[in-house]
Amino acid sequence: MKLNIMKKDESFIGIYGNKIALKNKKGEIRIVSIVLEEDVIRVDNDAEVTIGFGNGEVIVGDMDDSIEVTTF
């Protein structure tokens, strides 16, 4: 099996269950979820999370066209 999910500037960090952690050149971490459905393996794009640098903002939705921004 081969998962072609890494972007050109990413490196593999680790895997836990169905979650794969990838790090880009900026130091951000992208968590990708893999789903097995009826003998088909796919990436769950709705469950992808990017962990970046900032002041505690959480952006929900598409990074370019965000839906909600909250702070904690």
N, C-alpha and C. Protein backbone atom coordinates (compact mmCIF):
# COMPACT_ATOMS: atom_id res chain seq x y z
N MET A 1 0.85 -1.17 0.00
CA MET A 1 0.00 0.00 0.00
C MET A 1 0.90 1.23 0.00
N LYS A 2 0.50 2.26 -0.73
CA LYS A 2 1.21 3.53 -0.75
C LYS A 2 0.19 4.65 -0.69
N LEU A 3 0.38 5.58 0.24
CA LEU A 3 -0.51 6.73 0.39
C LEU A 3 0.21 7.96 -0.15
N ASN A 4 -0.24 8.50 -1.25
CA ASN A 4 0.36 9.70 -1.84
C ASN A 4 -0.38 10.93 -1.34
N ILE A 5 -0.13 11.28 -0.07
CA ILE A 5 -0.86 12.39 0.56
C ILE A 5 0.03 13.55 0.93
N MET A 6 1.36 13.36 0.86
CA MET A 6 2.27 14.42 1.27
C MET A 6 2.40 15.48 0.17
N LYS A 7 2.43 16.73 0.61
CA LYS A 7 2.71 17.83 -0.31
C LYS A 7 4.23 17.95 -0.44
N LYS A 8 4.69 18.62 -1.48
CA LYS A 8 6.11 18.67 -1.80
C LYS A 8 6.98 19.18 -0.64
N ASP A 9 6.51 20.15 0.13
CA ASP A 9 7.31 20.74 1.20
C ASP A 9 7.09 20.08 2.56
N GLU A 10 6.40 18.95 2.62
CA GLU A 10 6.08 18.29 3.89
C GLU A 10 7.02 17.13 4.19
N SER A 11 7.16 16.86 5.49
CA SER A 11 7.88 15.68 5.94
C SER A 11 6.98 14.91 6.91
N PHE A 12 7.18 13.62 6.97
CA PHE A 12 6.38 12.74 7.82
C PHE A 12 6.84 12.86 9.27
N ILE A 13 5.87 13.03 10.18
CA ILE A 13 6.18 13.08 11.62
C ILE A 13 5.83 11.76 12.29
N GLY A 14 4.58 11.30 12.08
CA GLY A 14 4.17 10.07 12.74
C GLY A 14 2.75 9.68 12.37
N ILE A 15 2.36 8.54 12.88
CA ILE A 15 1.02 8.02 12.63
C ILE A 15 0.47 7.47 13.94
N TYR A 16 -0.83 7.70 14.17
CA TYR A 16 -1.50 7.17 15.35
C TYR A 16 -2.90 6.76 14.92
N GLY A 17 -3.17 5.47 14.94
CA GLY A 17 -4.46 4.97 14.47
C GLY A 17 -4.66 5.32 13.01
N ASN A 18 -5.70 6.09 12.73
CA ASN A 18 -5.98 6.49 11.34
C ASN A 18 -5.53 7.93 11.06
N LYS A 19 -4.73 8.52 11.95
CA LYS A 19 -4.27 9.90 11.79
C LYS A 19 -2.79 9.91 11.41
N ILE A 20 -2.44 10.75 10.41
CA ILE A 20 -1.07 10.90 9.96
C ILE A 20 -0.67 12.36 10.15
N ALA A 21 0.47 12.60 10.80
CA ALA A 21 0.96 13.95 11.05
C ALA A 21 2.08 14.28 10.07
N LEU A 22 1.93 15.44 9.39
CA LEU A 22 2.90 15.90 8.41
C LEU A 22 3.32 17.33 8.76
N LYS A 23 4.59 17.64 8.59
CA LYS A 23 5.11 18.97 8.93
C LYS A 23 5.61 19.66 7.67
N ASN A 24 5.23 20.95 7.49
CA ASN A 24 5.70 21.69 6.32
C ASN A 24 6.92 22.55 6.69
N LYS A 25 7.49 23.24 5.69
CA LYS A 25 8.70 24.04 5.90
C LYS A 25 8.49 25.18 6.89
N LYS A 26 7.26 25.68 7.01
CA LYS A 26 6.97 26.77 7.95
C LYS A 26 6.83 26.27 9.38
N GLY A 27 6.84 24.96 9.58
CA GLY A 27 6.72 24.39 10.92
C GLY A 27 5.29 24.04 11.29
N GLU A 28 4.33 24.30 10.40
CA GLU A 28 2.94 23.94 10.67
C GLU A 28 2.76 22.43 10.54
N ILE A 29 1.84 21.90 11.33
CA ILE A 29 1.55 20.47 11.32
C ILE A 29 0.18 20.25 10.69
N ARG A 30 0.12 19.33 9.73
CA ARG A 30 -1.16 18.96 9.10
C ARG A 30 -1.50 17.54 9.54
N ILE A 31 -2.70 17.37 10.12
CA ILE A 31 -3.19 16.07 10.55
C ILE A 31 -4.19 15.57 9.51
N VAL A 32 -3.88 14.43 8.91
CA VAL A 32 -4.72 13.85 7.86
C VAL A 32 -5.36 12.58 8.41
N SER A 33 -6.68 12.43 8.20
CA SER A 33 -7.40 11.23 8.63
C SER A 33 -7.62 10.31 7.45
N ILE A 34 -7.32 9.04 7.65
CA ILE A 34 -7.53 8.01 6.63
C ILE A 34 -8.74 7.19 7.04
N VAL A 35 -9.63 6.92 6.08
CA VAL A 35 -10.87 6.19 6.35
C VAL A 35 -10.92 4.94 5.46
N LEU A 36 -11.33 3.82 6.05
CA LEU A 36 -11.56 2.59 5.30
C LEU A 36 -13.06 2.36 5.21
N GLU A 37 -13.59 2.40 3.97
CA GLU A 37 -15.02 2.19 3.74
C GLU A 37 -15.21 1.15 2.66
N GLU A 38 -15.84 0.06 3.00
CA GLU A 38 -16.17 -0.98 2.02
C GLU A 38 -14.98 -1.33 1.14
N ASP A 39 -13.85 -1.66 1.75
CA ASP A 39 -12.63 -2.05 1.06
C ASP A 39 -12.01 -0.95 0.22
N VAL A 40 -12.37 0.31 0.48
CA VAL A 40 -11.78 1.47 -0.18
C VAL A 40 -11.12 2.34 0.87
N ILE A 41 -9.88 2.71 0.64
CA ILE A 41 -9.17 3.60 1.56
C ILE A 41 -9.17 4.99 0.94
N ARG A 42 -9.55 6.00 1.76
CA ARG A 42 -9.59 7.37 1.26
C ARG A 42 -9.19 8.34 2.36
N VAL A 43 -8.86 9.56 1.95
CA VAL A 43 -8.56 10.64 2.89
C VAL A 43 -9.86 11.35 3.23
N ASP A 44 -10.10 11.58 4.52
CA ASP A 44 -11.28 12.31 4.98
C ASP A 44 -10.93 13.80 5.01
N ASN A 45 -11.18 14.50 3.90
CA ASN A 45 -10.83 15.91 3.80
C ASN A 45 -11.55 16.78 4.81
N ASP A 46 -12.74 16.39 5.23
CA ASP A 46 -13.51 17.17 6.21
C ASP A 46 -12.88 17.12 7.60
N ALA A 47 -12.06 16.10 7.86
CA ALA A 47 -11.47 15.94 9.19
C ALA A 47 -10.03 16.45 9.25
N GLU A 48 -9.52 17.03 8.16
CA GLU A 48 -8.13 17.51 8.15
C GLU A 48 -7.99 18.74 9.04
N VAL A 49 -6.90 18.77 9.81
CA VAL A 49 -6.63 19.87 10.74
C VAL A 49 -5.20 20.35 10.51
N THR A 50 -5.02 21.68 10.48
CA THR A 50 -3.68 22.26 10.41
C THR A 50 -3.41 23.00 11.71
N ILE A 51 -2.26 22.71 12.31
CA ILE A 51 -1.85 23.36 13.54
C ILE A 51 -0.73 24.33 13.18
N GLY A 52 -0.99 25.62 13.37
CA GLY A 52 -0.01 26.63 13.00
C GLY A 52 0.32 27.55 14.16
N PHE A 53 1.03 28.61 13.85
CA PHE A 53 1.44 29.59 14.86
C PHE A 53 0.44 30.73 14.90
N GLY A 54 0.24 31.34 16.05
CA GLY A 54 -0.70 32.45 16.15
C GLY A 54 -0.99 32.82 17.58
N ASN A 55 -2.10 33.53 17.75
CA ASN A 55 -2.50 34.05 19.05
C ASN A 55 -3.72 33.35 19.61
N GLY A 56 -3.88 32.07 19.36
CA GLY A 56 -5.00 31.32 19.90
C GLY A 56 -6.24 31.38 19.04
N GLU A 57 -6.13 31.76 17.77
CA GLU A 57 -7.29 31.79 16.88
C GLU A 57 -7.56 30.39 16.34
N VAL A 58 -8.83 30.07 16.19
CA VAL A 58 -9.25 28.83 15.56
C VAL A 58 -10.08 29.21 14.34
N ILE A 59 -9.64 28.78 13.16
CA ILE A 59 -10.35 29.06 11.92
C ILE A 59 -11.06 27.78 11.51
N VAL A 60 -12.37 27.84 11.37
CA VAL A 60 -13.17 26.69 11.01
C VAL A 60 -13.61 26.85 9.56
N GLY A 61 -13.31 25.87 8.74
CA GLY A 61 -13.69 25.92 7.33
C GLY A 61 -12.46 26.01 6.44
N ASP A 62 -12.67 26.39 5.20
CA ASP A 62 -11.60 26.52 4.23
C ASP A 62 -10.66 27.63 4.67
N MET A 63 -9.37 27.40 4.61
CA MET A 63 -8.39 28.39 5.06
C MET A 63 -8.47 29.68 4.25
N ASP A 64 -8.85 29.61 2.99
CA ASP A 64 -8.93 30.79 2.15
C ASP A 64 -10.27 31.51 2.30
N ASP A 65 -11.31 30.77 2.64
CA ASP A 65 -12.66 31.33 2.74
C ASP A 65 -13.25 30.85 4.08
N SER A 66 -12.70 31.37 5.18
CA SER A 66 -13.04 30.85 6.49
C SER A 66 -14.51 31.10 6.86
N ILE A 67 -15.02 30.24 7.71
CA ILE A 67 -16.40 30.32 8.14
C ILE A 67 -16.48 31.02 9.50
N GLU A 68 -15.59 30.68 10.42
CA GLU A 68 -15.69 31.20 11.77
C GLU A 68 -14.29 31.31 12.37
N VAL A 69 -14.04 32.38 13.08
CA VAL A 69 -12.78 32.56 13.79
C VAL A 69 -13.11 32.77 15.25
N THR A 70 -12.50 31.98 16.12
CA THR A 70 -12.71 32.14 17.56
C THR A 70 -11.37 32.19 18.25
N THR A 71 -11.33 32.63 19.49
CA THR A 71 -10.11 32.63 20.28
C THR A 71 -10.35 31.86 21.55
N PHE A 72 -9.26 31.42 22.14
CA PHE A 72 -9.36 30.70 23.41
C PHE A 72 -8.24 31.11 24.32
